[in-house]
Amino acid sequence: MKNNLLRTQLGKIDLLNPITVASGTFSYDYNDLYDINQLGAIITKTITPERKSGNPVPRLVETQSGLLNSIGLQNPGIDDFLKNEILRYKDIKCPLIISFSASTIAEFEMSLQKLEAYNQDPDSVFISGYEVNVSCPNVENEGLAFGVDARVVYDLTSKLSNLTDKELIIKLSPNVTDIAEIAKAAEDGGATSLSLINTLLGMSIDWKTGRSNIKRGIAGYSGPAIKPVALACVYKVANKVSIPLLAMGGISSYEDVIEFIYAGASVVAIGTAQFPDPELPIKIIDKLNNYCSSNHIKLLDLKKKIFF
């Protein structure tokens, strides 16, 4: 019954429920706490072409209403990931989505080609789709993030969509003038779904010393405080594009999930809220199922019925 009530799709991926985990906030070690196959899907931490050691500490600061992070995409690099780390997921049954990023379009293409080549081996861990993180600095465009320029997003997505038949998810940044314009460019370029929102820009200062509490100053802000912004972005994008949306931003309860479904999302990701409660995604799945059972509805029947 749970599968029938909560089942959804993210483009080409069939999910038993709409709950996944935001990139960078989930560890395979959570499998020691609960069966991670209960998740609708798993999204890995973002992988880059080369190994990254991350930014200097301090790089995490808790605020009154959220979390600032400046991790710096710390990861082993795509070659080591495909040789070693991905093997941890060999026994999972739910869809596996690989998040990746790069600093040039050529590097994005190379990364996707390596991921596609890896999956040609019948003994490899099956990859269901890709989340393309376009919030990293674009060294070909004076260090601006790929995701702030609709033309660049279109160009990048067009090239990547020609390299794979799997789900291609473009992850959108809210730190732009018009997120709906960027979303439409990704759709026109061949994206089969969109992920939003990535973190807002934020800062924390020690009032006693005048020093930033984050070594690099400005950081990514996530948590409960960004939920209204995320809802607005999802609603605007849902009314601009026809492809499915994976929503995230301050989600910490089953009621939050329902709000994002109303706004137009098909799938949602739990991020920062997992840190104090790693089992939260499973708790939310159970509460969603109870809600749907009690009200004799399928969750996705609520989609885009928002009214004013």
C-alpha atoms as a PDB file:
ATOM      1  CA  MET A   1       0.000   0.000   0.000  1.00  0.00           C
ATOM      2  CA  LYS A   2       2.847   2.372   0.871  1.00  0.00           C
ATOM      3  CA  ASN A   3       4.346   2.004  -2.606  1.00  0.00           C
ATOM      4  CA  ASN A   4       1.035   2.777  -4.302  1.00  0.00           C
ATOM      5  CA  LEU A   5       0.394   5.876  -2.200  1.00  0.00           C
ATOM      6  CA  LEU A   6       3.872   7.386  -2.376  1.00  0.00           C
ATOM      7  CA  ARG A   7       5.215   6.178  -5.703  1.00  0.00           C
ATOM      8  CA  THR A   8       6.531   8.905  -7.993  1.00  0.00           C
ATOM      9  CA  GLN A   9       8.829   9.509 -10.940  1.00  0.00           C
ATOM     10  CA  LEU A  10      11.733  11.819 -11.541  1.00  0.00           C
ATOM     11  CA  GLY A  11      11.864  11.817 -15.295  1.00  0.00           C
ATOM     12  CA  LYS A  12      13.134   8.357 -16.262  1.00  0.00           C
ATOM     13  CA  ILE A  13      13.554   7.146 -12.673  1.00  0.00           C
ATOM     14  CA  ASP A  14      10.762   5.314 -10.867  1.00  0.00           C
ATOM     15  CA  LEU A  15      10.822   5.921  -7.104  1.00  0.00           C
ATOM     16  CA  LEU A  16       8.864   4.007  -4.453  1.00  0.00           C
ATOM     17  CA  ASN A  17       8.481   7.257  -2.538  1.00  0.00           C
ATOM     18  CA  PRO A  18       9.418  10.931  -3.070  1.00  0.00           C
ATOM     19  CA  ILE A  19      12.087  11.136  -0.337  1.00  0.00           C
ATOM     20  CA  THR A  20      15.776  11.317  -1.173  1.00  0.00           C
ATOM     21  CA  VAL A  21      18.813  12.926   0.445  1.00  0.00           C
ATOM     22  CA  ALA A  22      20.562  16.135  -0.559  1.00  0.00           C
ATOM     23  CA  SER A  23      24.050  15.813  -1.971  1.00  0.00           C
ATOM     24  CA  GLY A  24      26.732  16.215   0.674  1.00  0.00           C
ATOM     25  CA  THR A  25      24.438  15.532   3.620  1.00  0.00           C
ATOM     26  CA  PHE A  26      24.249  11.737   3.496  1.00  0.00           C
ATOM     27  CA  SER A  27      26.677   8.925   4.267  1.00  0.00           C
ATOM     28  CA  TYR A  28      26.449   5.268   3.333  1.00  0.00           C
ATOM     29  CA  ASP A  29      27.224   4.651   6.998  1.00  0.00           C
ATOM     30  CA  TYR A  30      23.614   5.632   7.726  1.00  0.00           C
ATOM     31  CA  ASN A  31      22.874   2.072   6.604  1.00  0.00           C
ATOM     32  CA  ASP A  32      23.996   1.088  10.117  1.00  0.00           C
ATOM     33  CA  LEU A  33      21.017   3.072  11.470  1.00  0.00           C
ATOM     34  CA  TYR A  34      18.326   2.020   8.997  1.00  0.00           C
ATOM     35  CA  ASP A  35      17.862   0.209   5.715  1.00  0.00           C
ATOM     36  CA  ILE A  36      18.732   2.906   3.193  1.00  0.00           C
ATOM     37  CA  ASN A  37      16.853   0.963   0.522  1.00  0.00           C
ATOM     38  CA  GLN A  38      13.719   2.464   2.051  1.00  0.00           C
ATOM     39  CA  LEU A  39      14.696   5.816   0.498  1.00  0.00           C
ATOM     40  CA  GLY A  40      13.173   6.828  -2.800  1.00  0.00           C
ATOM     41  CA  ALA A  41      16.705   7.373  -4.139  1.00  0.00           C
ATOM     42  CA  ILE A  42      20.230   8.140  -2.961  1.00  0.00           C
ATOM     43  CA  ILE A  43      22.235  11.115  -4.205  1.00  0.00           C
ATOM     44  CA  THR A  44      25.982  11.004  -3.638  1.00  0.00           C
ATOM     45  CA  LYS A  45      28.260  13.791  -2.509  1.00  0.00           C
ATOM     46  CA  THR A  46      29.417  15.882  -5.461  1.00  0.00           C
ATOM     47  CA  ILE A  47      32.394  14.393  -7.318  1.00  0.00           C
ATOM     48  CA  THR A  48      34.907  16.518  -9.257  1.00  0.00           C
ATOM     49  CA  PRO A  49      37.470  15.579 -11.951  1.00  0.00           C
ATOM     50  CA  GLU A  50      40.379  15.774  -9.507  1.00  0.00           C
ATOM     51  CA  ARG A  51      40.677  15.167  -5.785  1.00  0.00           C
ATOM     52  CA  LYS A  52      39.727  18.140  -3.598  1.00  0.00           C
ATOM     53  CA  SER A  53      40.875  18.479  -0.002  1.00  0.00           C
ATOM     54  CA  GLY A  54      38.245  21.125   0.699  1.00  0.00           C
ATOM     55  CA  ASN A  55      38.445  24.571   2.245  1.00  0.00           C
ATOM     56  CA  PRO A  56      40.362  25.416   5.424  1.00  0.00           C
ATOM     57  CA  VAL A  57      38.588  25.269   8.777  1.00  0.00           C
ATOM     58  CA  PRO A  58      36.477  26.620  10.304  1.00  0.00           C
ATOM     59  CA  ARG A  59      34.093  25.778   7.504  1.00  0.00           C
ATOM     60  CA  LEU A  60      30.876  24.885   9.342  1.00  0.00           C
ATOM     61  CA  VAL A  61      28.927  27.283  11.553  1.00  0.00           C
ATOM     62  CA  GLU A  62      25.506  26.746  13.080  1.00  0.00           C
ATOM     63  CA  THR A  63      23.299  29.834  13.176  1.00  0.00           C
ATOM     64  CA  GLN A  64      19.991  30.536  14.923  1.00  0.00           C
ATOM     65  CA  SER A  65      17.984  29.237  11.966  1.00  0.00           C
ATOM     66  CA  GLY A  66      20.295  27.153   9.837  1.00  0.00           C
ATOM     67  CA  LEU A  67      23.789  26.075   8.922  1.00  0.00           C
ATOM     68  CA  LEU A  68      26.602  27.810   7.061  1.00  0.00           C
ATOM     69  CA  ASN A  69      29.057  25.594   5.222  1.00  0.00           C
ATOM     70  CA  SER A  70      32.141  26.153   3.148  1.00  0.00           C
ATOM     71  CA  ILE A  71      33.266  22.547   2.730  1.00  0.00           C
ATOM     72  CA  GLY A  72      34.668  23.207  -0.729  1.00  0.00           C
ATOM     73  CA  LEU A  73      33.457  19.994  -2.421  1.00  0.00           C
ATOM     74  CA  GLN A  74      35.945  17.801  -0.569  1.00  0.00           C
ATOM     75  CA  ASN A  75      36.044  14.479  -2.444  1.00  0.00           C
ATOM     76  CA  PRO A  76      38.523  11.865  -3.754  1.00  0.00           C
ATOM     77  CA  GLY A  77      38.109  12.733  -7.436  1.00  0.00           C
ATOM     78  CA  ILE A  78      36.140  10.800 -10.017  1.00  0.00           C
ATOM     79  CA  ASP A  79      38.751   8.102 -10.744  1.00  0.00           C
ATOM     80  CA  ASP A  80      39.140   7.084  -7.107  1.00  0.00           C
ATOM     81  CA  PHE A  81      35.370   7.333  -6.608  1.00  0.00           C
ATOM     82  CA  LEU A  82      34.687   4.895  -9.448  1.00  0.00           C
ATOM     83  CA  LYS A  83      37.500   2.557  -8.375  1.00  0.00           C
ATOM     84  CA  ASN A  84      36.684   2.432  -4.677  1.00  0.00           C
ATOM     85  CA  GLU A  85      33.891   4.484  -3.128  1.00  0.00           C
ATOM     86  CA  ILE A  86      31.029   3.612  -5.452  1.00  0.00           C
ATOM     87  CA  LEU A  87      31.462  -0.059  -4.518  1.00  0.00           C
ATOM     88  CA  ARG A  88      29.882   0.710  -1.153  1.00  0.00           C
ATOM     89  CA  TYR A  89      26.573   1.035  -3.026  1.00  0.00           C
ATOM     90  CA  LYS A  90      26.787  -2.303  -4.842  1.00  0.00           C
ATOM     91  CA  ASP A  91      23.998  -3.903  -2.816  1.00  0.00           C
ATOM     92  CA  ILE A  92      21.483  -1.044  -2.781  1.00  0.00           C
ATOM     93  CA  LYS A  93      18.176  -1.544  -4.525  1.00  0.00           C
ATOM     94  CA  CYS A  94      16.881   2.037  -4.676  1.00  0.00           C
ATOM     95  CA  PRO A  95      18.047   4.321  -7.519  1.00  0.00           C
ATOM     96  CA  LEU A  96      21.566   5.759  -7.243  1.00  0.00           C
ATOM     97  CA  ILE A  97      22.104   9.295  -8.558  1.00  0.00           C
ATOM     98  CA  ILE A  98      25.674  10.571  -8.934  1.00  0.00           C
ATOM     99  CA  SER A  99      26.267  14.266  -8.291  1.00  0.00           C
ATOM    100  CA  PHE A 100      29.204  15.778 -10.146  1.00  0.00           C
ATOM    101  CA  SER A 101      30.695  19.153 -10.960  1.00  0.00           C
ATOM    102  CA  ALA A 102      33.637  20.704 -12.790  1.00  0.00           C
ATOM    103  CA  SER A 103      35.286  23.999 -13.703  1.00  0.00           C
ATOM    104  CA  THR A 104      35.028  23.818 -17.502  1.00  0.00           C
ATOM    105  CA  ILE A 105      32.523  22.392 -19.959  1.00  0.00           C
ATOM    106  CA  ALA A 106      35.204  19.978 -21.206  1.00  0.00           C
ATOM    107  CA  GLU A 107      35.692  18.686 -17.659  1.00  0.00           C
ATOM    108  CA  PHE A 108      31.951  18.195 -17.236  1.00  0.00           C
ATOM    109  CA  GLU A 109      31.893  16.194 -20.468  1.00  0.00           C
ATOM    110  CA  MET A 110      34.908  14.110 -19.442  1.00  0.00           C
ATOM    111  CA  SER A 111      33.359  13.292 -16.071  1.00  0.00           C
ATOM    112  CA  LEU A 112      30.089  12.180 -17.624  1.00  0.00           C
ATOM    113  CA  GLN A 113      31.935  10.076 -20.196  1.00  0.00           C
ATOM    114  CA  LYS A 114      33.820   8.302 -17.399  1.00  0.00           C
ATOM    115  CA  LEU A 115      30.600   7.639 -15.511  1.00  0.00           C
ATOM    116  CA  GLU A 116      28.914   6.293 -18.636  1.00  0.00           C
ATOM    117  CA  ALA A 117      31.939   4.119 -19.480  1.00  0.00           C
ATOM    118  CA  TYR A 118      31.954   2.714 -15.947  1.00  0.00           C
ATOM    119  CA  ASN A 119      28.364   1.576 -16.309  1.00  0.00           C
ATOM    120  CA  GLN A 120      29.181  -0.427 -19.448  1.00  0.00           C
ATOM    121  CA  ASP A 121      30.685  -3.097 -17.199  1.00  0.00           C
ATOM    122  CA  PRO A 122      27.896  -5.542 -16.248  1.00  0.00           C
ATOM    123  CA  ASP A 123      29.478  -5.951 -12.794  1.00  0.00           C
ATOM    124  CA  SER A 124      29.456  -2.223 -12.057  1.00  0.00           C
ATOM    125  CA  VAL A 125      27.167  -0.517  -9.578  1.00  0.00           C
ATOM    126  CA  PHE A 126      24.192   0.638 -11.636  1.00  0.00           C
ATOM    127  CA  ILE A 127      23.777   4.407 -11.917  1.00  0.00           C
ATOM    128  CA  SER A 128      20.215   5.621 -12.490  1.00  0.00           C
ATOM    129  CA  GLY A 129      21.009   9.245 -13.228  1.00  0.00           C
ATOM    130  CA  TYR A 130      23.170  12.286 -12.700  1.00  0.00           C
ATOM    131  CA  GLU A 131      22.764  15.510 -10.754  1.00  0.00           C
ATOM    132  CA  VAL A 132      24.877  18.189 -12.414  1.00  0.00           C
ATOM    133  CA  ASN A 133      26.009  20.795  -9.897  1.00  0.00           C
ATOM    134  CA  VAL A 134      26.397  24.043 -11.847  1.00  0.00           C
ATOM    135  CA  SER A 135      27.117  26.204  -8.797  1.00  0.00           C
ATOM    136  CA  CYS A 136      30.911  25.849  -9.012  1.00  0.00           C
ATOM    137  CA  PRO A 137      33.144  28.603 -10.430  1.00  0.00           C
ATOM    138  CA  ASN A 138      33.428  28.536 -14.217  1.00  0.00           C
ATOM    139  CA  VAL A 139      37.084  29.232 -14.979  1.00  0.00           C
ATOM    140  CA  GLU A 140      36.181  29.898 -18.607  1.00  0.00           C
ATOM    141  CA  ASN A 141      33.905  32.741 -17.536  1.00  0.00           C
ATOM    142  CA  GLU A 142      36.001  34.748 -15.063  1.00  0.00           C
ATOM    143  CA  GLY A 143      35.127  32.527 -12.112  1.00  0.00           C
ATOM    144  CA  LEU A 144      31.366  33.064 -12.215  1.00  0.00           C
ATOM    145  CA  ALA A 145      29.280  30.002 -11.409  1.00  0.00           C
ATOM    146  CA  PHE A 146      27.971  28.132 -14.462  1.00  0.00           C
ATOM    147  CA  GLY A 147      24.447  28.348 -13.130  1.00  0.00           C
ATOM    148  CA  VAL A 148      24.148  32.153 -13.206  1.00  0.00           C
ATOM    149  CA  ASP A 149      24.153  32.455 -17.021  1.00  0.00           C
ATOM    150  CA  ALA A 150      21.253  30.969 -18.995  1.00  0.00           C
ATOM    151  CA  ARG A 151      23.288  30.742 -22.190  1.00  0.00           C
ATOM    152  CA  VAL A 152      26.079  28.816 -20.445  1.00  0.00           C
ATOM    153  CA  VAL A 153      23.565  26.490 -18.771  1.00  0.00           C
ATOM    154  CA  TYR A 154      21.949  25.798 -22.135  1.00  0.00           C
ATOM    155  CA  ASP A 155      25.320  25.124 -23.783  1.00  0.00           C
ATOM    156  CA  LEU A 156      26.479  22.818 -20.987  1.00  0.00           C
ATOM    157  CA  THR A 157      23.203  20.912 -20.797  1.00  0.00           C
ATOM    158  CA  SER A 158      23.076  20.482 -24.577  1.00  0.00           C
ATOM    159  CA  LYS A 159      26.515  18.872 -24.588  1.00  0.00           C
ATOM    160  CA  LEU A 160      25.814  16.606 -21.623  1.00  0.00           C
ATOM    161  CA  SER A 161      22.400  15.477 -22.862  1.00  0.00           C
ATOM    162  CA  ASN A 162      24.085  14.087 -25.982  1.00  0.00           C
ATOM    163  CA  LEU A 163      26.301  11.845 -23.853  1.00  0.00           C
ATOM    164  CA  THR A 164      23.736   9.922 -21.827  1.00  0.00           C
ATOM    165  CA  ASP A 165      20.310   8.316 -21.969  1.00  0.00           C
ATOM    166  CA  LYS A 166      20.052   8.315 -18.175  1.00  0.00           C
ATOM    167  CA  GLU A 167      18.239  10.901 -16.080  1.00  0.00           C
ATOM    168  CA  LEU A 168      20.017  14.259 -16.395  1.00  0.00           C
ATOM    169  CA  ILE A 169      19.235  16.571 -13.486  1.00  0.00           C
ATOM    170  CA  ILE A 170      20.551  20.133 -13.497  1.00  0.00           C
ATOM    171  CA  LYS A 171      20.938  21.539  -9.979  1.00  0.00           C
ATOM    172  CA  LEU A 172      19.941  25.201  -9.857  1.00  0.00           C
ATOM    173  CA  SER A 173      21.330  27.942  -7.645  1.00  0.00           C
ATOM    174  CA  PRO A 174      18.981  30.497  -6.040  1.00  0.00           C
ATOM    175  CA  ASN A 175      21.747  33.104  -6.212  1.00  0.00           C
ATOM    176  CA  VAL A 176      20.627  34.382  -9.618  1.00  0.00           C
ATOM    177  CA  THR A 177      18.441  37.155 -10.971  1.00  0.00           C
ATOM    178  CA  ASP A 178      15.750  34.845 -12.378  1.00  0.00           C
ATOM    179  CA  ILE A 179      15.902  31.137 -11.496  1.00  0.00           C
ATOM    180  CA  ALA A 180      12.992  30.374 -13.841  1.00  0.00           C
ATOM    181  CA  GLU A 181      14.990  31.698 -16.806  1.00  0.00           C
ATOM    182  CA  ILE A 182      17.927  29.426 -15.896  1.00  0.00           C
ATOM    183  CA  ALA A 183      15.520  26.500 -15.468  1.00  0.00           C
ATOM    184  CA  LYS A 184      14.028  27.036 -18.933  1.00  0.00           C
ATOM    185  CA  ALA A 185      17.507  27.156 -20.457  1.00  0.00           C
ATOM    186  CA  ALA A 186      18.325  23.802 -18.840  1.00  0.00           C
ATOM    187  CA  GLU A 187      15.073  22.295 -20.118  1.00  0.00           C
ATOM    188  CA  ASP A 188      15.689  23.615 -23.621  1.00  0.00           C
ATOM    189  CA  GLY A 189      19.200  22.166 -23.474  1.00  0.00           C
ATOM    190  CA  GLY A 190      17.900  18.673 -22.808  1.00  0.00           C
ATOM    191  CA  ALA A 191      17.691  18.320 -19.030  1.00  0.00           C
ATOM    192  CA  THR A 192      15.126  15.688 -18.087  1.00  0.00           C
ATOM    193  CA  SER A 193      14.579  17.101 -14.588  1.00  0.00           C
ATOM    194  CA  LEU A 194      15.785  19.900 -12.325  1.00  0.00           C
ATOM    195  CA  SER A 195      17.064  20.043  -8.755  1.00  0.00           C
ATOM    196  CA  LEU A 196      16.524  23.149  -6.616  1.00  0.00           C
ATOM    197  CA  ILE A 197      17.546  24.964  -4.598  1.00  0.00           C
ATOM    198  CA  ASN A 198      21.228  24.868  -3.790  1.00  0.00           C
ATOM    199  CA  THR A 199      22.370  26.917  -0.792  1.00  0.00           C
ATOM    200  CA  LEU A 200      21.870  30.658  -0.430  1.00  0.00           C
ATOM    201  CA  LEU A 201      24.862  32.880   0.236  1.00  0.00           C
ATOM    202  CA  GLY A 202      25.343  33.784   3.886  1.00  0.00           C
ATOM    203  CA  MET A 203      27.843  34.943   6.457  1.00  0.00           C
ATOM    204  CA  SER A 204      28.476  34.812  10.207  1.00  0.00           C
ATOM    205  CA  ILE A 205      30.611  37.319  12.124  1.00  0.00           C
ATOM    206  CA  ASP A 206      31.904  37.137  15.683  1.00  0.00           C
ATOM    207  CA  TRP A 207      30.629  40.382  17.205  1.00  0.00           C
ATOM    208  CA  LYS A 208      33.414  40.361  19.814  1.00  0.00           C
ATOM    209  CA  THR A 209      36.316  40.228  17.338  1.00  0.00           C
ATOM    210  CA  GLY A 210      34.837  41.333  14.010  1.00  0.00           C
ATOM    211  CA  ARG A 211      36.184  38.154  12.395  1.00  0.00           C
ATOM    212  CA  SER A 212      34.210  35.879  10.134  1.00  0.00           C
ATOM    213  CA  ASN A 213      33.231  32.607  11.752  1.00  0.00           C
ATOM    214  CA  ILE A 214      33.928  30.924   8.393  1.00  0.00           C
ATOM    215  CA  LYS A 215      37.559  30.961   7.246  1.00  0.00           C
ATOM    216  CA  ARG A 216      36.647  31.962   3.677  1.00  0.00           C
ATOM    217  CA  GLY A 217      34.034  34.517   4.763  1.00  0.00           C
ATOM    218  CA  ILE A 218      30.898  33.978   2.686  1.00  0.00           C
ATOM    219  CA  ALA A 219      29.449  30.465   2.706  1.00  0.00           C
ATOM    220  CA  GLY A 220      26.437  28.417   1.666  1.00  0.00           C
ATOM    221  CA  TYR A 221      23.395  28.776   3.921  1.00  0.00           C
ATOM    222  CA  SER A 222      20.913  25.937   4.440  1.00  0.00           C
ATOM    223  CA  GLY A 223      18.317  24.870   6.980  1.00  0.00           C
ATOM    224  CA  PRO A 224      14.840  25.975   8.117  1.00  0.00           C
ATOM    225  CA  ALA A 225      15.311  29.666   7.319  1.00  0.00           C
ATOM    226  CA  ILE A 226      15.628  29.083   3.560  1.00  0.00           C
ATOM    227  CA  LYS A 227      12.391  27.102   3.182  1.00  0.00           C
ATOM    228  CA  PRO A 228      10.201  30.091   2.113  1.00  0.00           C
ATOM    229  CA  VAL A 229      12.793  31.022  -0.528  1.00  0.00           C
ATOM    230  CA  ALA A 230      12.971  27.429  -1.756  1.00  0.00           C
ATOM    231  CA  LEU A 231       9.182  27.157  -1.965  1.00  0.00           C
ATOM    232  CA  ALA A 232       8.979  30.343  -4.020  1.00  0.00           C
ATOM    233  CA  CYS A 233      11.708  29.136  -6.377  1.00  0.00           C
ATOM    234  CA  VAL A 234      10.054  25.752  -6.881  1.00  0.00           C
ATOM    235  CA  TYR A 235       6.695  27.400  -7.551  1.00  0.00           C
ATOM    236  CA  LYS A 236       8.196  29.818 -10.100  1.00  0.00           C
ATOM    237  CA  VAL A 237      10.125  27.090 -11.897  1.00  0.00           C
ATOM    238  CA  ALA A 238       7.168  24.669 -11.896  1.00  0.00           C
ATOM    239  CA  ASN A 239       5.155  27.296 -13.746  1.00  0.00           C
ATOM    240  CA  LYS A 240       7.931  27.808 -16.303  1.00  0.00           C
ATOM    241  CA  VAL A 241       8.989  24.278 -17.278  1.00  0.00           C
ATOM    242  CA  SER A 242       7.304  20.954 -17.951  1.00  0.00           C
ATOM    243  CA  ILE A 243      10.015  18.607 -16.642  1.00  0.00           C
ATOM    244  CA  PRO A 244       9.890  17.183 -13.081  1.00  0.00           C
ATOM    245  CA  LEU A 245      11.420  18.954 -10.087  1.00  0.00           C
ATOM    246  CA  LEU A 246      13.494  17.602  -7.216  1.00  0.00           C
ATOM    247  CA  ALA A 247      13.024  20.151  -4.432  1.00  0.00           C
ATOM    248  CA  MET A 248      15.111  20.893  -1.352  1.00  0.00           C
ATOM    249  CA  GLY A 249      15.596  23.707   1.111  1.00  0.00           C
ATOM    250  CA  GLY A 250      14.713  23.631   4.796  1.00  0.00           C
ATOM    251  CA  ILE A 251      12.611  20.460   4.662  1.00  0.00           C
ATOM    252  CA  SER A 252      12.340  18.791   8.059  1.00  0.00           C
ATOM    253  CA  SER A 253       8.822  17.318   8.325  1.00  0.00           C
ATOM    254  CA  TYR A 254       6.174  15.506   6.325  1.00  0.00           C
ATOM    255  CA  GLU A 255       4.146  18.741   6.297  1.00  0.00           C
ATOM    256  CA  ASP A 256       7.076  20.475   4.581  1.00  0.00           C
ATOM    257  CA  VAL A 257       7.115  17.753   1.942  1.00  0.00           C
ATOM    258  CA  ILE A 258       3.415  18.250   1.233  1.00  0.00           C
ATOM    259  CA  GLU A 259       3.956  22.006   0.813  1.00  0.00           C
ATOM    260  CA  PHE A 260       6.653  21.375  -1.797  1.00  0.00           C
ATOM    261  CA  ILE A 261       4.414  18.892  -3.618  1.00  0.00           C
ATOM    262  CA  TYR A 262       1.710  21.562  -3.757  1.00  0.00           C
ATOM    263  CA  ALA A 263       4.286  24.003  -5.166  1.00  0.00           C
ATOM    264  CA  GLY A 264       5.076  21.619  -8.025  1.00  0.00           C
ATOM    265  CA  ALA A 265       7.779  19.185  -6.881  1.00  0.00           C
ATOM    266  CA  SER A 266       7.691  15.461  -7.689  1.00  0.00           C
ATOM    267  CA  VAL A 267      10.530  14.479  -5.342  1.00  0.00           C
ATOM    268  CA  VAL A 268      12.101  16.193  -2.321  1.00  0.00           C
ATOM    269  CA  ALA A 269      15.490  15.905  -0.658  1.00  0.00           C
ATOM    270  CA  ILE A 270      16.224  16.069   3.054  1.00  0.00           C
ATOM    271  CA  GLY A 271      19.495  17.854   3.765  1.00  0.00           C
ATOM    272  CA  THR A 272      20.601  19.792   6.827  1.00  0.00           C
ATOM    273  CA  ALA A 273      17.823  18.341   8.994  1.00  0.00           C
ATOM    274  CA  GLN A 274      19.556  14.950   8.849  1.00  0.00           C
ATOM    275  CA  PHE A 275      22.525  16.131  10.886  1.00  0.00           C
ATOM    276  CA  PRO A 276      20.751  16.132  14.278  1.00  0.00           C
ATOM    277  CA  ASP A 277      18.510  13.224  13.237  1.00  0.00           C
ATOM    278  CA  PRO A 278      20.011  10.895  10.581  1.00  0.00           C
ATOM    279  CA  GLU A 279      16.885   8.720  10.603  1.00  0.00           C
ATOM    280  CA  LEU A 280      14.612  11.652   9.724  1.00  0.00           C
ATOM    281  CA  PRO A 281      14.062  10.681   6.053  1.00  0.00           C
ATOM    282  CA  ILE A 282      12.607   7.322   7.095  1.00  0.00           C
ATOM    283  CA  LYS A 283      10.422   8.929   9.753  1.00  0.00           C
ATOM    284  CA  ILE A 284       9.080  11.324   7.124  1.00  0.00           C
ATOM    285  CA  ILE A 285       8.327   8.457   4.716  1.00  0.00           C
ATOM    286  CA  ASP A 286       6.314   6.681   7.392  1.00  0.00           C
ATOM    287  CA  LYS A 287       4.398   9.826   8.346  1.00  0.00           C
ATOM    288  CA  LEU A 288       3.631  10.594   4.701  1.00  0.00           C
ATOM    289  CA  ASN A 289       2.260   7.111   4.228  1.00  0.00           C
ATOM    290  CA  ASN A 290       0.100   7.453   7.331  1.00  0.00           C
ATOM    291  CA  TYR A 291      -1.178  10.820   6.110  1.00  0.00           C
ATOM    292  CA  CYS A 292      -2.085   9.461   2.684  1.00  0.00           C
ATOM    293  CA  SER A 293      -3.674   6.344   4.139  1.00  0.00           C
ATOM    294  CA  SER A 294      -5.788   8.354   6.578  1.00  0.00           C
ATOM    295  CA  ASN A 295      -6.938  10.724   3.840  1.00  0.00           C
ATOM    296  CA  HIS A 296      -7.338   8.051   1.133  1.00  0.00           C
ATOM    297  CA  ILE A 297      -5.131   9.893  -1.357  1.00  0.00           C
ATOM    298  CA  LYS A 298      -1.996   9.394  -3.386  1.00  0.00           C
ATOM    299  CA  LEU A 299       0.626  11.975  -2.483  1.00  0.00           C
ATOM    300  CA  LEU A 300       1.205  13.140  -6.037  1.00  0.00           C
ATOM    301  CA  ASP A 301      -2.514  13.892  -6.442  1.00  0.00           C
ATOM    302  CA  LEU A 302      -1.745  17.053  -4.466  1.00  0.00           C
ATOM    303  CA  LYS A 303       0.721  18.311  -7.038  1.00  0.00           C
ATOM    304  CA  LYS A 304       0.170  21.867  -8.277  1.00  0.00           C
ATOM    305  CA  LYS A 305      -3.206  22.392  -6.615  1.00  0.00           C
ATOM    306  CA  ILE A 306      -1.957  25.457  -4.808  1.00  0.00           C
ATOM    307  CA  PHE A 307      -4.409  28.336  -4.658  1.00  0.00           C
ATOM    308  CA  PHE A 308      -4.450  31.868  -3.275  1.00  0.00           C
END
